[in-house]
Amino acid sequence: MGKADICVTYDIPLAEHCLKNKASIIAPNGRRFTEDNIGMAIATREIMGQIRGIGEATTGPTPFNKADRSKFLNFMETTVRSARALEFVETY
């Protein structure tokens, strides 16, 4: 993964790895992973894992809805355009 790449994933450790390589990361529900929020996402993931580990019932993600789809599509369009522009600049 590099600057002009886009990773679509719910996998937070994968998102962190891709961010280190300067890729753009988005979850299928439209949530963006950035340098500013990946730490909180990792911490939350760890806490929720510990809660599940002691046997507490937790809820999963909210159901996918039209707003999620719209947010995802808008981000993807913007990111693809930015990646293409970056790729063009690096080529010349």
PDB file of N, CA and C in Angstrom:
ATOM      1  N   MET A   1       0.849  -1.178   0.000  1.00  0.00           N
ATOM      2  CA  MET A   1       0.000   0.000   0.000  1.00  0.00           C
ATOM      3  C   MET A   1       0.893   1.239   0.000  1.00  0.00           C
ATOM      4  N   GLY A   2       0.424   2.222  -0.709  1.00  0.00           N
ATOM      5  CA  GLY A   2       1.164   3.471  -0.764  1.00  0.00           C
ATOM      6  C   GLY A   2       0.231   4.657  -0.830  1.00  0.00           C
ATOM      7  N   LYS A   3       0.765   5.842  -1.105  1.00  0.00           N
ATOM      8  CA  LYS A   3       0.002   7.088  -1.096  1.00  0.00           C
ATOM      9  C   LYS A   3      -1.213   7.058  -2.014  1.00  0.00           C
ATOM     10  N   ALA A   4      -1.105   6.451  -3.150  1.00  0.00           N
ATOM     11  CA  ALA A   4      -2.198   6.471  -4.129  1.00  0.00           C
ATOM     12  C   ALA A   4      -3.133   5.275  -3.974  1.00  0.00           C
ATOM     13  N   ASP A   5      -2.990   4.492  -2.907  1.00  0.00           N
ATOM     14  CA  ASP A   5      -3.807   3.295  -2.712  1.00  0.00           C
ATOM     15  C   ASP A   5      -4.930   3.544  -1.719  1.00  0.00           C
ATOM     16  N   ILE A   6      -6.009   2.783  -1.898  1.00  0.00           N
ATOM     17  CA  ILE A   6      -7.170   2.865  -1.022  1.00  0.00           C
ATOM     18  C   ILE A   6      -7.452   1.465  -0.491  1.00  0.00           C
ATOM     19  N   CYS A   7      -7.593   1.350   0.814  1.00  0.00           N
ATOM     20  CA  CYS A   7      -7.920   0.077   1.451  1.00  0.00           C
ATOM     21  C   CYS A   7      -9.327   0.186   2.041  1.00  0.00           C
ATOM     22  N   VAL A   8     -10.187  -0.762   1.681  1.00  0.00           N
ATOM     23  CA  VAL A   8     -11.541  -0.824   2.242  1.00  0.00           C
ATOM     24  C   VAL A   8     -11.565  -1.999   3.213  1.00  0.00           C
ATOM     25  N   THR A   9     -11.720  -1.706   4.496  1.00  0.00           N
ATOM     26  CA  THR A   9     -11.660  -2.769   5.501  1.00  0.00           C
ATOM     27  C   THR A   9     -12.300  -2.340   6.815  1.00  0.00           C
ATOM     28  N   TYR A  10     -12.822  -3.328   7.545  1.00  0.00           N
ATOM     29  CA  TYR A  10     -13.225  -3.122   8.937  1.00  0.00           C
ATOM     30  C   TYR A  10     -12.084  -3.525   9.870  1.00  0.00           C
ATOM     31  N   ASP A  11     -11.051  -4.145   9.346  1.00  0.00           N
ATOM     32  CA  ASP A  11      -9.949  -4.690  10.133  1.00  0.00           C
ATOM     33  C   ASP A  11      -9.048  -3.546  10.613  1.00  0.00           C
ATOM     34  N   ILE A  12      -9.136  -3.241  11.895  1.00  0.00           N
ATOM     35  CA  ILE A  12      -8.418  -2.095  12.443  1.00  0.00           C
ATOM     36  C   ILE A  12      -6.895  -2.275  12.402  1.00  0.00           C
ATOM     37  N   PRO A  13      -6.332  -3.448  12.770  1.00  0.00           N
ATOM     38  CA  PRO A  13      -4.883  -3.600  12.638  1.00  0.00           C
ATOM     39  C   PRO A  13      -4.403  -3.453  11.183  1.00  0.00           C
ATOM     40  N   LEU A  14      -5.183  -3.955  10.226  1.00  0.00           N
ATOM     41  CA  LEU A  14      -4.826  -3.774   8.815  1.00  0.00           C
ATOM     42  C   LEU A  14      -4.863  -2.296   8.455  1.00  0.00           C
ATOM     43  N   ALA A  15      -5.885  -1.589   8.923  1.00  0.00           N
ATOM     44  CA  ALA A  15      -5.987  -0.152   8.660  1.00  0.00           C
ATOM     45  C   ALA A  15      -4.763   0.585   9.205  1.00  0.00           C
ATOM     46  N   GLU A  16      -4.349   0.223  10.408  1.00  0.00           N
ATOM     47  CA  GLU A  16      -3.170   0.856  11.006  1.00  0.00           C
ATOM     48  C   GLU A  16      -1.933   0.603  10.152  1.00  0.00           C
ATOM     49  N   HIS A  17      -1.760  -0.628   9.707  1.00  0.00           N
ATOM     50  CA  HIS A  17      -0.610  -0.980   8.871  1.00  0.00           C
ATOM     51  C   HIS A  17      -0.617  -0.176   7.564  1.00  0.00           C
ATOM     52  N   CYS A  18      -1.780  -0.077   6.944  1.00  0.00           N
ATOM     53  CA  CYS A  18      -1.883   0.665   5.685  1.00  0.00           C
ATOM     54  C   CYS A  18      -1.647   2.159   5.890  1.00  0.00           C
ATOM     55  N   LEU A  19      -2.110   2.699   7.012  1.00  0.00           N
ATOM     56  CA  LEU A  19      -1.870   4.108   7.311  1.00  0.00           C
ATOM     57  C   LEU A  19      -0.388   4.408   7.434  1.00  0.00           C
ATOM     58  N   LYS A  20       0.362   3.470   7.996  1.00  0.00           N
ATOM     59  CA  LYS A  20       1.811   3.667   8.122  1.00  0.00           C
ATOM     60  C   LYS A  20       2.470   3.804   6.751  1.00  0.00           C
ATOM     61  N   ASN A  21       1.824   3.239   5.730  1.00  0.00           N
ATOM     62  CA  ASN A  21       2.338   3.334   4.364  1.00  0.00           C
ATOM     63  C   ASN A  21       1.664   4.459   3.579  1.00  0.00           C
ATOM     64  N   LYS A  22       0.938   5.324   4.291  1.00  0.00           N
ATOM     65  CA  LYS A  22       0.307   6.530   3.740  1.00  0.00           C
ATOM     66  C   LYS A  22      -0.880   6.257   2.810  1.00  0.00           C
ATOM     67  N   ALA A  23      -1.479   5.075   2.890  1.00  0.00           N
ATOM     68  CA  ALA A  23      -2.662   4.764   2.083  1.00  0.00           C
ATOM     69  C   ALA A  23      -3.893   5.424   2.702  1.00  0.00           C
ATOM     70  N   SER A  24      -4.958   5.545   1.921  1.00  0.00           N
ATOM     71  CA  SER A  24      -6.246   6.024   2.415  1.00  0.00           C
ATOM     72  C   SER A  24      -7.056   4.813   2.847  1.00  0.00           C
ATOM     73  N   ILE A  25      -7.700   4.903   4.005  1.00  0.00           N
ATOM     74  CA  ILE A  25      -8.430   3.763   4.554  1.00  0.00           C
ATOM     75  C   ILE A  25      -9.880   4.168   4.808  1.00  0.00           C
ATOM     76  N   ILE A  26     -10.791   3.287   4.422  1.00  0.00           N
ATOM     77  CA  ILE A  26     -12.205   3.502   4.679  1.00  0.00           C
ATOM     78  C   ILE A  26     -12.858   2.174   5.014  1.00  0.00           C
ATOM     79  N   ALA A  27     -13.764   2.208   5.979  1.00  0.00           N
ATOM     80  CA  ALA A  27     -14.560   1.021   6.306  1.00  0.00           C
ATOM     81  C   ALA A  27     -15.753   0.975   5.345  1.00  0.00           C
ATOM     82  N   PRO A  28     -16.318  -0.190   5.130  1.00  0.00           N
ATOM     83  CA  PRO A  28     -17.472  -0.295   4.227  1.00  0.00           C
ATOM     84  C   PRO A  28     -18.661   0.582   4.634  1.00  0.00           C
ATOM     85  N   ASN A  29     -18.729   0.994   5.893  1.00  0.00           N
ATOM     86  CA  ASN A  29     -19.833   1.868   6.325  1.00  0.00           C
ATOM     87  C   ASN A  29     -19.515   3.351   6.128  1.00  0.00           C
ATOM     88  N   GLY A  30     -18.367   3.650   5.527  1.00  0.00           N
ATOM     89  CA  GLY A  30     -18.005   5.030   5.243  1.00  0.00           C
ATOM     90  C   GLY A  30     -17.119   5.684   6.284  1.00  0.00           C
ATOM     91  N   ARG A  31     -16.820   4.984   7.363  1.00  0.00           N
ATOM     92  CA  ARG A  31     -15.944   5.545   8.393  1.00  0.00           C
ATOM     93  C   ARG A  31     -14.514   5.593   7.868  1.00  0.00           C
ATOM     94  N   ARG A  32     -13.885   6.737   8.005  1.00  0.00           N
ATOM     95  CA  ARG A  32     -12.489   6.887   7.590  1.00  0.00           C
ATOM     96  C   ARG A  32     -11.572   6.578   8.755  1.00  0.00           C
ATOM     97  N   PHE A  33     -10.493   5.889   8.472  1.00  0.00           N
ATOM     98  CA  PHE A  33      -9.429   5.698   9.457  1.00  0.00           C
ATOM     99  C   PHE A  33      -8.301   6.653   9.084  1.00  0.00           C
ATOM    100  N   THR A  34      -7.877   7.444  10.075  1.00  0.00           N
ATOM    101  CA  THR A  34      -6.822   8.427   9.857  1.00  0.00           C
ATOM    102  C   THR A  34      -5.792   8.316  10.978  1.00  0.00           C
ATOM    103  N   GLU A  35      -4.706   9.030  10.814  1.00  0.00           N
ATOM    104  CA  GLU A  35      -3.693   9.077  11.872  1.00  0.00           C
ATOM    105  C   GLU A  35      -4.292   9.636  13.162  1.00  0.00           C
ATOM    106  N   ASP A  36      -5.290  10.504  13.031  1.00  0.00           N
ATOM    107  CA  ASP A  36      -5.904  11.133  14.203  1.00  0.00           C
ATOM    108  C   ASP A  36      -6.845  10.210  14.966  1.00  0.00           C
ATOM    109  N   ASN A  37      -7.433   9.199  14.303  1.00  0.00           N
ATOM    110  CA  ASN A  37      -8.410   8.370  15.008  1.00  0.00           C
ATOM    111  C   ASN A  37      -8.046   6.892  15.121  1.00  0.00           C
ATOM    112  N   ILE A  38      -6.947   6.456  14.514  1.00  0.00           N
ATOM    113  CA  ILE A  38      -6.613   5.026  14.537  1.00  0.00           C
ATOM    114  C   ILE A  38      -6.244   4.565  15.950  1.00  0.00           C
ATOM    115  N   GLY A  39      -5.608   5.417  16.734  1.00  0.00           N
ATOM    116  CA  GLY A  39      -5.253   5.051  18.104  1.00  0.00           C
ATOM    117  C   GLY A  39      -6.481   4.746  18.951  1.00  0.00           C
ATOM    118  N   MET A  40      -7.494   5.569  18.820  1.00  0.00           N
ATOM    119  CA  MET A  40      -8.739   5.364  19.559  1.00  0.00           C
ATOM    120  C   MET A  40      -9.436   4.095  19.074  1.00  0.00           C
ATOM    121  N   ALA A  41      -9.401   3.844  17.774  1.00  0.00           N
ATOM    122  CA  ALA A  41     -10.027   2.634  17.228  1.00  0.00           C
ATOM    123  C   ALA A  41      -9.332   1.376  17.755  1.00  0.00           C
ATOM    124  N   ILE A  42      -8.015   1.410  17.839  1.00  0.00           N
ATOM    125  CA  ILE A  42      -7.254   0.264  18.364  1.00  0.00           C
ATOM    126  C   ILE A  42      -7.553   0.069  19.848  1.00  0.00           C
ATOM    127  N   ALA A  43      -7.593   1.161  20.603  1.00  0.00           N
ATOM    128  CA  ALA A  43      -7.884   1.064  22.039  1.00  0.00           C
ATOM    129  C   ALA A  43      -9.288   0.520  22.275  1.00  0.00           C
ATOM    130  N   THR A  44     -10.255   1.002  21.525  1.00  0.00           N
ATOM    131  CA  THR A  44     -11.630   0.528  21.663  1.00  0.00           C
ATOM    132  C   THR A  44     -11.728  -0.949  21.317  1.00  0.00           C
ATOM    133  N   ARG A  45     -11.028  -1.351  20.260  1.00  0.00           N
ATOM    134  CA  ARG A  45     -11.017  -2.763  19.858  1.00  0.00           C
ATOM    135  C   ARG A  45     -10.471  -3.639  20.984  1.00  0.00           C
ATOM    136  N   GLU A  46      -9.410  -3.186  21.611  1.00  0.00           N
ATOM    137  CA  GLU A  46      -8.791  -3.935  22.710  1.00  0.00           C
ATOM    138  C   GLU A  46      -9.736  -4.037  23.906  1.00  0.00           C
ATOM    139  N   ILE A  47     -10.350  -2.929  24.265  1.00  0.00           N
ATOM    140  CA  ILE A  47     -11.289  -2.931  25.397  1.00  0.00           C
ATOM    141  C   ILE A  47     -12.463  -3.862  25.129  1.00  0.00           C
ATOM    142  N   MET A  48     -13.030  -3.784  23.937  1.00  0.00           N
ATOM    143  CA  MET A  48     -14.168  -4.640  23.599  1.00  0.00           C
ATOM    144  C   MET A  48     -13.760  -6.113  23.602  1.00  0.00           C
ATOM    145  N   GLY A  49     -12.544  -6.414  23.167  1.00  0.00           N
ATOM    146  CA  GLY A  49     -12.041  -7.787  23.219  1.00  0.00           C
ATOM    147  C   GLY A  49     -11.938  -8.288  24.650  1.00  0.00           C
ATOM    148  N   GLN A  50     -11.482  -7.434  25.547  1.00  0.00           N
ATOM    149  CA  GLN A  50     -11.387  -7.812  26.956  1.00  0.00           C
ATOM    150  C   GLN A  50     -12.771  -8.027  27.561  1.00  0.00           C
ATOM    151  N   ILE A  51     -13.710  -7.191  27.199  1.00  0.00           N
ATOM    152  CA  ILE A  51     -15.079  -7.339  27.703  1.00  0.00           C
ATOM    153  C   ILE A  51     -15.677  -8.660  27.224  1.00  0.00           C
ATOM    154  N   ARG A  52     -15.491  -8.967  25.939  1.00  0.00           N
ATOM    155  CA  ARG A  52     -15.989 -10.247  25.416  1.00  0.00           C
ATOM    156  C   ARG A  52     -15.262 -11.410  26.083  1.00  0.00           C
ATOM    157  N   GLY A  53     -13.987 -11.214  26.393  1.00  0.00           N
ATOM    158  CA  GLY A  53     -13.178 -12.263  27.014  1.00  0.00           C
ATOM    159  C   GLY A  53     -13.661 -12.662  28.399  1.00  0.00           C
ATOM    160  N   ILE A  54     -14.295 -11.745  29.108  1.00  0.00           N
ATOM    161  CA  ILE A  54     -14.809 -12.085  30.438  1.00  0.00           C
ATOM    162  C   ILE A  54     -16.262 -12.555  30.375  1.00  0.00           C
ATOM    163  N   GLY A  55     -16.770 -12.702  29.157  1.00  0.00           N
ATOM    164  CA  GLY A  55     -18.093 -13.276  28.995  1.00  0.00           C
ATOM    165  C   GLY A  55     -19.250 -12.311  28.879  1.00  0.00           C
ATOM    166  N   GLU A  56     -18.957 -11.032  28.835  1.00  0.00           N
ATOM    167  CA  GLU A  56     -20.024 -10.044  28.686  1.00  0.00           C
ATOM    168  C   GLU A  56     -20.532 -10.044  27.254  1.00  0.00           C
ATOM    169  N   ALA A  57     -21.835  -9.940  27.108  1.00  0.00           N
ATOM    170  CA  ALA A  57     -22.432  -9.846  25.776  1.00  0.00           C
ATOM    171  C   ALA A  57     -22.259  -8.429  25.250  1.00  0.00           C
ATOM    172  N   THR A  58     -21.834  -8.310  24.021  1.00  0.00           N
ATOM    173  CA  THR A  58     -21.700  -7.004  23.383  1.00  0.00           C
ATOM    174  C   THR A  58     -22.494  -6.999  22.089  1.00  0.00           C
ATOM    175  N   THR A  59     -22.813  -5.818  21.645  1.00  0.00           N
ATOM    176  CA  THR A  59     -23.536  -5.712  20.381  1.00  0.00           C
ATOM    177  C   THR A  59     -22.534  -5.554  19.244  1.00  0.00           C
ATOM    178  N   GLY A  60     -22.934  -5.945  18.081  1.00  0.00           N
ATOM    179  CA  GLY A  60     -22.087  -5.773  16.905  1.00  0.00           C
ATOM    180  C   GLY A  60     -22.280  -4.386  16.320  1.00  0.00           C
ATOM    181  N   PRO A  61     -21.755  -4.188  15.144  1.00  0.00           N
ATOM    182  CA  PRO A  61     -21.928  -2.883  14.508  1.00  0.00           C
ATOM    183  C   PRO A  61     -23.395  -2.630  14.157  1.00  0.00           C
ATOM    184  N   THR A  62     -23.736  -1.373  14.019  1.00  0.00           N
ATOM    185  CA  THR A  62     -25.102  -1.037  13.627  1.00  0.00           C
ATOM    186  C   THR A  62     -25.346  -1.519  12.201  1.00  0.00           C
ATOM    187  N   PRO A  63     -26.591  -1.806  11.862  1.00  0.00           N
ATOM    188  CA  PRO A  63     -26.895  -2.263  10.506  1.00  0.00           C
ATOM    189  C   PRO A  63     -26.507  -1.212   9.460  1.00  0.00           C
ATOM    190  N   PHE A  64     -26.063  -1.693   8.319  1.00  0.00           N
ATOM    191  CA  PHE A  64     -25.701  -0.842   7.198  1.00  0.00           C
ATOM    192  C   PHE A  64     -26.956  -0.119   6.705  1.00  0.00           C
ATOM    193  N   ASN A  65     -26.858   1.193   6.468  1.00  0.00           N
ATOM    194  CA  ASN A  65     -28.034   1.942   6.021  1.00  0.00           C
ATOM    195  C   ASN A  65     -27.685   2.855   4.846  1.00  0.00           C
ATOM    196  N   LYS A  66     -28.679   3.583   4.361  1.00  0.00           N
ATOM    197  CA  LYS A  66     -28.485   4.452   3.190  1.00  0.00           C
ATOM    198  C   LYS A  66     -27.457   5.547   3.466  1.00  0.00           C
ATOM    199  N   ALA A  67     -27.450   6.076   4.675  1.00  0.00           N
ATOM    200  CA  ALA A  67     -26.472   7.119   5.024  1.00  0.00           C
ATOM    201  C   ALA A  67     -25.052   6.565   4.971  1.00  0.00           C
ATOM    202  N   ASP A  68     -24.862   5.319   5.438  1.00  0.00           N
ATOM    203  CA  ASP A  68     -23.542   4.680   5.368  1.00  0.00           C
ATOM    204  C   ASP A  68     -23.096   4.542   3.915  1.00  0.00           C
ATOM    205  N   ARG A  69     -24.010   4.083   3.070  1.00  0.00           N
ATOM    206  CA  ARG A  69     -23.697   3.903   1.652  1.00  0.00           C
ATOM    207  C   ARG A  69     -23.316   5.234   1.016  1.00  0.00           C
ATOM    208  N   SER A  70     -24.071   6.258   1.302  1.00  0.00           N
ATOM    209  CA  SER A  70     -23.794   7.581   0.748  1.00  0.00           C
ATOM    210  C   SER A  70     -22.441   8.106   1.215  1.00  0.00           C
ATOM    211  N   LYS A  71     -22.170   7.965   2.514  1.00  0.00           N
ATOM    212  CA  LYS A  71     -20.894   8.416   3.077  1.00  0.00           C
ATOM    213  C   LYS A  71     -19.725   7.671   2.424  1.00  0.00           C
ATOM    214  N   PHE A  72     -19.877   6.358   2.259  1.00  0.00           N
ATOM    215  CA  PHE A  72     -18.841   5.547   1.627  1.00  0.00           C
ATOM    216  C   PHE A  72     -18.599   6.001   0.186  1.00  0.00           C
ATOM    217  N   LEU A  73     -19.662   6.125  -0.594  1.00  0.00           N
ATOM    218  CA  LEU A  73     -19.524   6.499  -2.001  1.00  0.00           C
ATOM    219  C   LEU A  73     -18.914   7.888  -2.161  1.00  0.00           C
ATOM    220  N   ASN A  74     -19.318   8.836  -1.328  1.00  0.00           N
ATOM    221  CA  ASN A  74     -18.733  10.180  -1.397  1.00  0.00           C
ATOM    222  C   ASN A  74     -17.245  10.161  -1.089  1.00  0.00           C
ATOM    223  N   PHE A  75     -16.872   9.438  -0.039  1.00  0.00           N
ATOM    224  CA  PHE A  75     -15.453   9.357   0.318  1.00  0.00           C
ATOM    225  C   PHE A  75     -14.653   8.674  -0.787  1.00  0.00           C
ATOM    226  N   MET A  76     -15.206   7.591  -1.331  1.00  0.00           N
ATOM    227  CA  MET A  76     -14.483   6.866  -2.385  1.00  0.00           C
ATOM    228  C   MET A  76     -14.265   7.749  -3.603  1.00  0.00           C
ATOM    229  N   GLU A  77     -15.275   8.480  -4.001  1.00  0.00           N
ATOM    230  CA  GLU A  77     -15.124   9.351  -5.170  1.00  0.00           C
ATOM    231  C   GLU A  77     -14.039  10.397  -4.923  1.00  0.00           C
ATOM    232  N   THR A  78     -14.091  11.038  -3.779  1.00  0.00           N
ATOM    233  CA  THR A  78     -13.090  12.045  -3.436  1.00  0.00           C
ATOM    234  C   THR A  78     -11.695  11.443  -3.362  1.00  0.00           C
ATOM    235  N   THR A  79     -11.577  10.282  -2.746  1.00  0.00           N
ATOM    236  CA  THR A  79     -10.280   9.645  -2.570  1.00  0.00           C
ATOM    237  C   THR A  79      -9.697   9.159  -3.888  1.00  0.00           C
ATOM    238  N   VAL A  80     -10.533   8.594  -4.735  1.00  0.00           N
ATOM    239  CA  VAL A  80     -10.049   8.134  -6.043  1.00  0.00           C
ATOM    240  C   VAL A  80      -9.545   9.313  -6.856  1.00  0.00           C
ATOM    241  N   ARG A  81     -10.268  10.409  -6.833  1.00  0.00           N
ATOM    242  CA  ARG A  81      -9.812  11.600  -7.568  1.00  0.00           C
ATOM    243  C   ARG A  81      -8.480  12.107  -7.012  1.00  0.00           C
ATOM    244  N   SER A  82      -8.348  12.132  -5.694  1.00  0.00           N
ATOM    245  CA  SER A  82      -7.093  12.578  -5.080  1.00  0.00           C
ATOM    246  C   SER A  82      -5.946  11.635  -5.416  1.00  0.00           C
ATOM    247  N   ALA A  83      -6.217  10.331  -5.379  1.00  0.00           N
ATOM    248  CA  ALA A  83      -5.180   9.341  -5.688  1.00  0.00           C
ATOM    249  C   ALA A  83      -4.728   9.470  -7.132  1.00  0.00           C
ATOM    250  N   ARG A  84      -5.670   9.680  -8.029  1.00  0.00           N
ATOM    251  CA  ARG A  84      -5.308   9.857  -9.447  1.00  0.00           C
ATOM    252  C   ARG A  84      -4.469  11.106  -9.639  1.00  0.00           C
ATOM    253  N   ALA A  85      -4.836  12.180  -8.966  1.00  0.00           N
ATOM    254  CA  ALA A  85      -4.070  13.419  -9.078  1.00  0.00           C
ATOM    255  C   ALA A  85      -2.667  13.218  -8.521  1.00  0.00           C
ATOM    256  N   LEU A  86      -2.542  12.541  -7.397  1.00  0.00           N
ATOM    257  CA  LEU A  86      -1.239  12.268  -6.797  1.00  0.00           C
ATOM    258  C   LEU A  86      -0.403  11.394  -7.718  1.00  0.00           C
ATOM    259  N   GLU A  87      -1.005  10.375  -8.273  1.00  0.00           N
ATOM    260  CA  GLU A  87      -0.306   9.472  -9.192  1.00  0.00           C
ATOM    261  C   GLU A  87       0.191  10.261 -10.404  1.00  0.00           C
ATOM    262  N   PHE A  88      -0.633  11.173 -10.927  1.00  0.00           N
ATOM    263  CA  PHE A  88      -0.259  11.983 -12.066  1.00  0.00           C
ATOM    264  C   PHE A  88       0.929  12.880 -11.724  1.00  0.00           C
ATOM    265  N   VAL A  89       0.885  13.508 -10.562  1.00  0.00           N
ATOM    266  CA  VAL A  89       1.965  14.416 -10.139  1.00  0.00           C
ATOM    267  C   VAL A  89       3.260  13.631  -9.970  1.00  0.00           C
ATOM    268  N   GLU A  90       3.192  12.433  -9.377  1.00  0.00           N
ATOM    269  CA  GLU A  90       4.400  11.643  -9.147  1.00  0.00           C
ATOM    270  C   GLU A  90       4.981  11.098 -10.444  1.00  0.00           C
ATOM    271  N   THR A  91       4.133  10.932 -11.466  1.00  0.00           N
ATOM    272  CA  THR A  91       4.593  10.426 -12.749  1.00  0.00           C
ATOM    273  C   THR A  91       5.386  11.489 -13.501  1.00  0.00           C
ATOM    274  N   TYR A  92       4.973  12.747 -13.317  1.00  0.00           N
ATOM    275  CA  TYR A  92       5.632  13.828 -14.060  1.00  0.00           C
ATOM    276  C   TYR A  92       6.462  14.685 -13.213  1.00  0.00           C
TER     277      TYR A  92
END
